[in-house]
Amino acid sequence: MNEVQKNSQNNQDVSPSISRIPAFDDNYIWFIHGLTEKQAEQQIIIVDPGDAEPVLKAIETHKYLPQAIFITHHHGDHTGGISKLVKQYKIPVYGPQNEQIPHLTHALSEKQTVSIDSMGLSFEVLDVPGHTIGHIAYSGHRALFIGDTLFAGGCGRIFEGTAEQMHQSLSKLLTLAADTLIYCAHEYTQDNLAFANRVEPENTILAQRIQDTLKMRAINKATVPSTLELEMKTNPFLRFDTDSVRTAAETFAQQALNTPADVFRVTRHWKDTLD
């Protein structure tokens, strides 16, 4: 039974297996597997299927049993595969209530919880607008499926929302457990860290992460997921309350910045000027 409810009753300390399906040039589609204790490893939730073909191929190859689709926002590289998948599998589609999502069956907003009992899984919904106006994330089992709000080493462009909304969304993520794994939807890490190094060239943890990332990408290894703890130490878009990021943003803006929200706004604009 699939349910949307107010509070999760599932064991959040148990982590599911998660598979990564590459799509397009740099997208990742995620499969969340059911818990072993439920004997549900073959059951999957499909997260942000922008392209149906690699999803269908993986399902056929591994004999997976799709149970649901989770959508974070309306952009086509996250929703383009929905129609084929629901035609093939007749599964529910969960997504943001404030966006137009194809074949949406469960419209979600903050403080709701999606529970799929047969899989032993439960995810809390977070409203994280900024990249799009109705963007949501799914948080549970020490995993965060964040779409395009937060990237490894960066954050999404602000297309529909405001810098203040994006700052509030990212601030919300800082309340999660430090060991939360961040499952974003793109392999942008190397470019993001190059910008992070402009902002904090003296950050030694960042320097090590850049070296690690270069080695991983040299052998075409994914850099996602990352941990929230690593993002908090190296991602300038989560470090808007640190002196080093504020000083760098003030230097770029050539003016004093009085609030963390101002620091974020300027830092995001700074990266926009380089993209």
Protein backbone atom coordinates (compact mmCIF):
# COMPACT_ATOMS: atom_id res chain seq x y z
CA MET A 1 0.00 0.00 0.00
CA ASN A 2 1.33 3.41 -0.98
CA GLU A 3 0.32 6.26 1.27
CA VAL A 4 0.78 9.97 1.81
CA GLN A 5 0.49 10.79 5.48
CA LYS A 6 1.67 13.25 8.11
CA ASN A 7 4.18 11.16 10.02
CA SER A 8 6.49 8.31 9.08
CA GLN A 9 6.30 5.06 11.02
CA ASN A 10 9.14 3.34 9.17
CA ASN A 11 12.64 2.69 10.49
CA GLN A 12 14.70 5.66 9.36
CA ASP A 13 17.93 4.09 10.64
CA VAL A 14 17.86 1.41 7.93
CA SER A 15 19.40 2.50 4.63
CA PRO A 16 18.10 1.17 1.32
CA SER A 17 20.29 0.24 -1.62
CA ILE A 18 20.28 2.96 -4.29
CA SER A 19 21.19 2.52 -7.96
CA ARG A 20 22.35 5.25 -10.33
CA ILE A 21 21.13 5.34 -13.94
CA PRO A 22 23.03 7.78 -16.22
CA ALA A 23 20.93 9.73 -18.73
CA PHE A 24 21.58 12.41 -21.36
CA ASP A 25 25.00 14.07 -20.99
CA ASP A 26 25.14 14.48 -17.22
CA ASN A 27 21.82 13.52 -15.60
CA TYR A 28 21.38 10.86 -12.95
CA ILE A 29 18.13 8.96 -12.48
CA TRP A 30 17.93 7.15 -9.14
CA PHE A 31 16.41 3.80 -8.23
CA ILE A 32 15.60 3.43 -4.52
CA HIS A 33 15.39 -0.26 -3.63
CA GLY A 34 13.16 -1.81 -1.00
CA LEU A 35 14.68 -2.97 2.26
CA THR A 36 16.28 -6.38 2.62
CA GLU A 37 14.31 -7.03 5.81
CA LYS A 38 11.16 -6.75 3.69
CA GLN A 39 12.67 -8.98 0.99
CA ALA A 40 11.95 -6.09 -1.33
CA GLU A 41 15.33 -5.41 -2.97
CA GLN A 42 13.86 -5.92 -6.44
CA GLN A 43 11.15 -3.33 -5.82
CA ILE A 44 12.17 0.17 -6.85
CA ILE A 45 11.10 3.80 -6.68
CA ILE A 46 12.24 5.71 -9.77
CA VAL A 47 13.42 9.27 -9.05
CA ASP A 48 13.28 11.97 -11.76
CA PRO A 49 13.15 9.82 -14.91
CA GLY A 50 13.95 12.36 -17.60
CA ASP A 51 14.44 9.60 -20.16
CA ALA A 52 12.48 6.34 -20.14
CA GLU A 53 14.86 4.28 -22.26
CA PRO A 54 17.75 3.73 -19.81
CA VAL A 55 15.18 3.12 -17.06
CA LEU A 56 13.34 0.49 -19.08
CA LYS A 57 16.62 -1.19 -20.04
CA ALA A 58 17.81 -1.37 -16.42
CA ILE A 59 14.45 -2.70 -15.22
CA GLU A 60 14.42 -5.41 -17.89
CA THR A 61 18.05 -6.38 -17.32
CA HIS A 62 17.73 -6.73 -13.55
CA LYS A 63 14.07 -7.79 -13.37
CA TYR A 64 13.19 -4.89 -11.09
CA LEU A 65 9.62 -4.28 -9.95
CA PRO A 66 8.71 -0.55 -10.18
CA GLN A 67 6.43 0.67 -7.40
CA ALA A 68 6.35 4.45 -7.82
CA ILE A 69 7.91 7.51 -9.44
CA PHE A 70 9.20 10.43 -7.36
CA ILE A 71 9.49 13.80 -9.14
CA THR A 72 11.28 16.82 -7.65
CA HIS A 73 10.34 19.47 -10.23
CA HIS A 74 8.81 19.97 -13.65
CA HIS A 75 11.85 20.38 -15.94
CA GLY A 76 11.81 18.01 -18.91
CA ASP A 77 15.10 16.32 -18.08
CA HIS A 78 13.40 15.11 -14.88
CA THR A 79 9.94 14.30 -16.22
CA GLY A 80 10.35 13.32 -19.88
CA GLY A 81 10.18 9.57 -19.24
CA ILE A 82 7.07 9.53 -17.08
CA SER A 83 4.53 8.86 -19.83
CA LYS A 84 6.24 5.72 -21.14
CA LEU A 85 6.88 4.40 -17.66
CA VAL A 86 3.32 4.76 -16.37
CA LYS A 87 1.98 3.24 -19.57
CA GLN A 88 4.26 0.25 -19.07
CA TYR A 89 3.91 -0.23 -15.31
CA LYS A 90 0.73 1.58 -14.15
CA ILE A 91 2.51 3.02 -11.09
CA PRO A 92 1.71 6.16 -9.06
CA VAL A 93 3.54 9.43 -9.67
CA TYR A 94 4.43 11.61 -6.69
CA GLY A 95 5.46 15.22 -7.25
CA PRO A 96 5.13 18.88 -6.22
CA GLN A 97 1.61 20.18 -5.86
CA ASN A 98 2.55 23.61 -7.23
CA GLU A 99 3.93 22.43 -10.58
CA GLN A 100 2.51 20.78 -13.68
CA ILE A 101 3.78 17.19 -13.62
CA PRO A 102 2.62 14.67 -16.26
CA HIS A 103 0.40 11.86 -14.89
CA LEU A 104 0.69 13.17 -11.32
CA THR A 105 -1.34 11.01 -8.92
CA HIS A 106 -0.10 12.33 -5.55
CA ALA A 107 0.46 16.08 -5.17
CA LEU A 108 2.92 16.75 -2.34
CA SER A 109 4.02 19.59 -0.12
CA GLU A 110 6.11 20.05 3.01
CA LYS A 111 5.38 18.00 6.14
CA GLN A 112 3.74 15.21 4.20
CA THR A 113 5.37 11.79 4.28
CA VAL A 114 5.29 9.23 1.51
CA SER A 115 5.30 5.64 2.80
CA ILE A 116 5.52 2.57 0.60
CA ASP A 117 4.85 -0.23 3.04
CA SER A 118 5.80 -3.15 0.82
CA MET A 119 9.30 -1.68 0.49
CA GLY A 120 9.69 -0.64 4.13
CA LEU A 121 10.42 2.93 3.03
CA SER A 122 9.21 6.35 4.12
CA PHE A 123 10.27 9.81 2.96
CA GLU A 124 9.45 13.23 4.31
CA VAL A 125 8.67 15.93 1.77
CA LEU A 126 10.55 19.23 1.93
CA ASP A 127 9.58 22.37 0.02
CA VAL A 128 12.79 23.71 -1.54
CA PRO A 129 11.78 26.41 -4.06
CA GLY A 130 14.27 28.57 -5.91
CA HIS A 131 15.41 26.61 -8.96
CA THR A 132 11.70 26.26 -9.75
CA ILE A 133 8.83 27.70 -7.80
CA GLY A 134 7.43 24.40 -6.55
CA HIS A 135 10.57 22.26 -6.23
CA ILE A 136 10.42 19.59 -3.54
CA ALA A 137 12.87 17.07 -2.06
CA TYR A 138 12.45 13.62 -0.51
CA SER A 139 14.28 12.99 2.77
CA GLY A 140 14.51 9.68 4.56
CA HIS A 141 16.76 6.82 5.63
CA ARG A 142 19.78 9.17 5.73
CA ALA A 143 19.27 10.02 2.05
CA LEU A 144 18.11 13.22 0.37
CA PHE A 145 16.80 13.25 -3.19
CA ILE A 146 17.22 16.92 -3.93
CA GLY A 147 16.84 17.26 -7.72
CA ASP A 148 18.44 20.51 -8.85
CA THR A 149 18.30 22.54 -5.64
CA LEU A 150 21.66 21.41 -4.25
CA PHE A 151 24.50 19.91 -6.28
CA ALA A 152 27.76 18.37 -5.19
CA GLY A 153 29.84 21.49 -4.67
CA GLY A 154 27.15 23.86 -5.94
CA CYS A 155 23.47 24.69 -6.22
CA GLY A 156 20.92 25.08 -8.99
CA ARG A 157 20.36 28.23 -10.98
CA ILE A 158 17.46 30.36 -9.85
CA PHE A 159 15.06 30.16 -12.78
CA GLU A 160 11.63 30.79 -11.26
CA GLY A 161 12.09 31.61 -7.59
CA THR A 162 14.15 34.26 -5.83
CA ALA A 163 17.57 34.26 -4.21
CA GLU A 164 15.86 34.63 -0.84
CA GLN A 165 13.74 31.53 -1.48
CA MET A 166 16.81 29.54 -2.53
CA HIS A 167 18.71 30.71 0.54
CA GLN A 168 15.82 29.58 2.76
CA SER A 169 15.68 26.23 0.98
CA LEU A 170 19.39 25.59 1.41
CA SER A 171 19.27 26.75 5.03
CA LYS A 172 16.59 24.11 5.64
CA LEU A 173 18.98 21.39 4.49
CA LEU A 174 21.50 22.37 7.15
CA THR A 175 19.15 20.97 9.80
CA LEU A 176 19.51 17.42 8.45
CA ALA A 177 21.95 14.87 9.85
CA ALA A 178 25.54 15.48 8.74
CA ASP A 179 25.85 11.94 7.37
CA THR A 180 22.88 12.39 5.04
CA LEU A 181 23.77 11.29 1.52
CA ILE A 182 22.94 13.93 -1.09
CA TYR A 183 21.51 12.46 -4.29
CA CYS A 184 21.39 15.32 -6.78
CA ALA A 185 20.46 14.93 -10.43
CA HIS A 186 23.56 16.06 -12.33
CA GLU A 187 27.29 15.38 -12.57
CA TYR A 188 28.38 19.02 -12.24
CA THR A 189 30.88 18.53 -9.43
CA GLN A 190 34.14 19.34 -11.20
CA ASP A 191 32.86 22.65 -12.55
CA ASN A 192 31.21 23.52 -9.24
CA LEU A 193 34.40 22.94 -7.29
CA ALA A 194 36.39 25.12 -9.67
CA PHE A 195 34.11 27.98 -8.69
CA ALA A 196 34.25 27.02 -5.02
CA ASN A 197 38.02 27.33 -5.24
CA ARG A 198 37.65 30.90 -6.52
CA VAL A 199 35.60 31.69 -3.45
CA GLU A 200 37.76 29.86 -0.88
CA PRO A 201 41.26 29.23 -2.29
CA GLU A 202 42.63 28.63 1.22
CA ASN A 203 40.11 25.92 2.10
CA THR A 204 42.28 22.81 2.53
CA ILE A 205 39.34 20.40 2.70
CA LEU A 206 38.10 21.84 -0.58
CA ALA A 207 41.55 21.45 -2.13
CA GLN A 208 41.56 17.76 -1.22
CA ARG A 209 38.03 17.33 -2.58
CA ILE A 210 39.10 18.87 -5.88
CA GLN A 211 41.96 16.40 -6.18
CA ASP A 212 39.70 13.49 -5.30
CA THR A 213 37.13 14.64 -7.85
CA LEU A 214 39.69 14.96 -10.64
CA LYS A 215 40.86 11.40 -10.01
CA MET A 216 37.29 10.08 -10.00
CA ARG A 217 36.31 11.86 -13.20
CA ALA A 218 39.50 10.76 -14.94
CA ILE A 219 38.19 7.20 -14.75
CA ASN A 220 34.58 8.27 -15.40
CA LYS A 221 33.53 7.53 -11.83
CA ALA A 222 30.50 9.38 -10.46
CA THR A 223 31.07 11.95 -7.71
CA VAL A 224 27.48 11.68 -6.48
CA PRO A 225 26.26 11.06 -3.84
CA SER A 226 28.20 13.22 -1.44
CA THR A 227 27.55 13.74 2.26
CA LEU A 228 25.93 16.80 3.73
CA GLU A 229 28.95 17.11 6.03
CA LEU A 230 31.30 17.40 3.05
CA GLU A 231 29.02 19.93 1.39
CA MET A 232 28.94 22.02 4.55
CA LYS A 233 32.75 22.12 4.54
CA THR A 234 33.32 22.78 0.83
CA ASN A 235 30.21 24.07 -0.93
CA PRO A 236 30.12 27.90 -0.92
CA PHE A 237 26.34 27.90 -1.34
CA LEU A 238 25.97 26.25 2.06
CA ARG A 239 28.71 28.36 3.65
CA PHE A 240 26.99 31.75 3.44
CA ASP A 241 27.50 32.29 7.18
CA THR A 242 31.28 31.80 7.14
CA ASP A 243 33.75 34.67 7.23
CA SER A 244 35.76 33.44 4.26
CA VAL A 245 32.78 33.22 1.92
CA ARG A 246 31.38 36.53 3.12
CA THR A 247 34.72 38.26 2.55
CA ALA A 248 35.02 36.81 -0.96
CA ALA A 249 31.45 37.83 -1.82
CA GLU A 250 32.04 41.35 -0.48
CA THR A 251 35.17 41.63 -2.60
CA PHE A 252 33.24 40.58 -5.69
CA ALA A 253 30.33 42.92 -4.89
CA GLN A 254 32.61 45.73 -3.74
CA GLN A 255 30.31 46.45 -0.84
CA ALA A 256 29.53 45.20 2.64
CA LEU A 257 27.02 42.36 2.93
CA ASN A 258 24.98 42.40 6.09
CA THR A 259 23.20 39.04 6.12
CA PRO A 260 23.89 35.43 5.13
CA ALA A 261 21.06 35.78 2.58
CA ASP A 262 22.94 38.70 0.98
CA VAL A 263 26.11 36.62 0.89
CA PHE A 264 24.26 33.78 -0.83
CA ARG A 265 22.62 36.14 -3.35
CA VAL A 266 25.93 37.67 -4.37
CA THR A 267 27.73 34.31 -4.50
CA ARG A 268 25.03 32.85 -6.76
CA HIS A 269 25.21 35.93 -9.01
CA TRP A 270 29.00 35.63 -9.10
CA LYS A 271 28.80 32.09 -10.45
CA ASP A 272 26.10 33.13 -12.94
CA THR A 273 28.51 35.65 -14.45
CA LEU A 274 30.99 32.84 -15.16
CA ASP A 275 28.59 30.25 -16.65
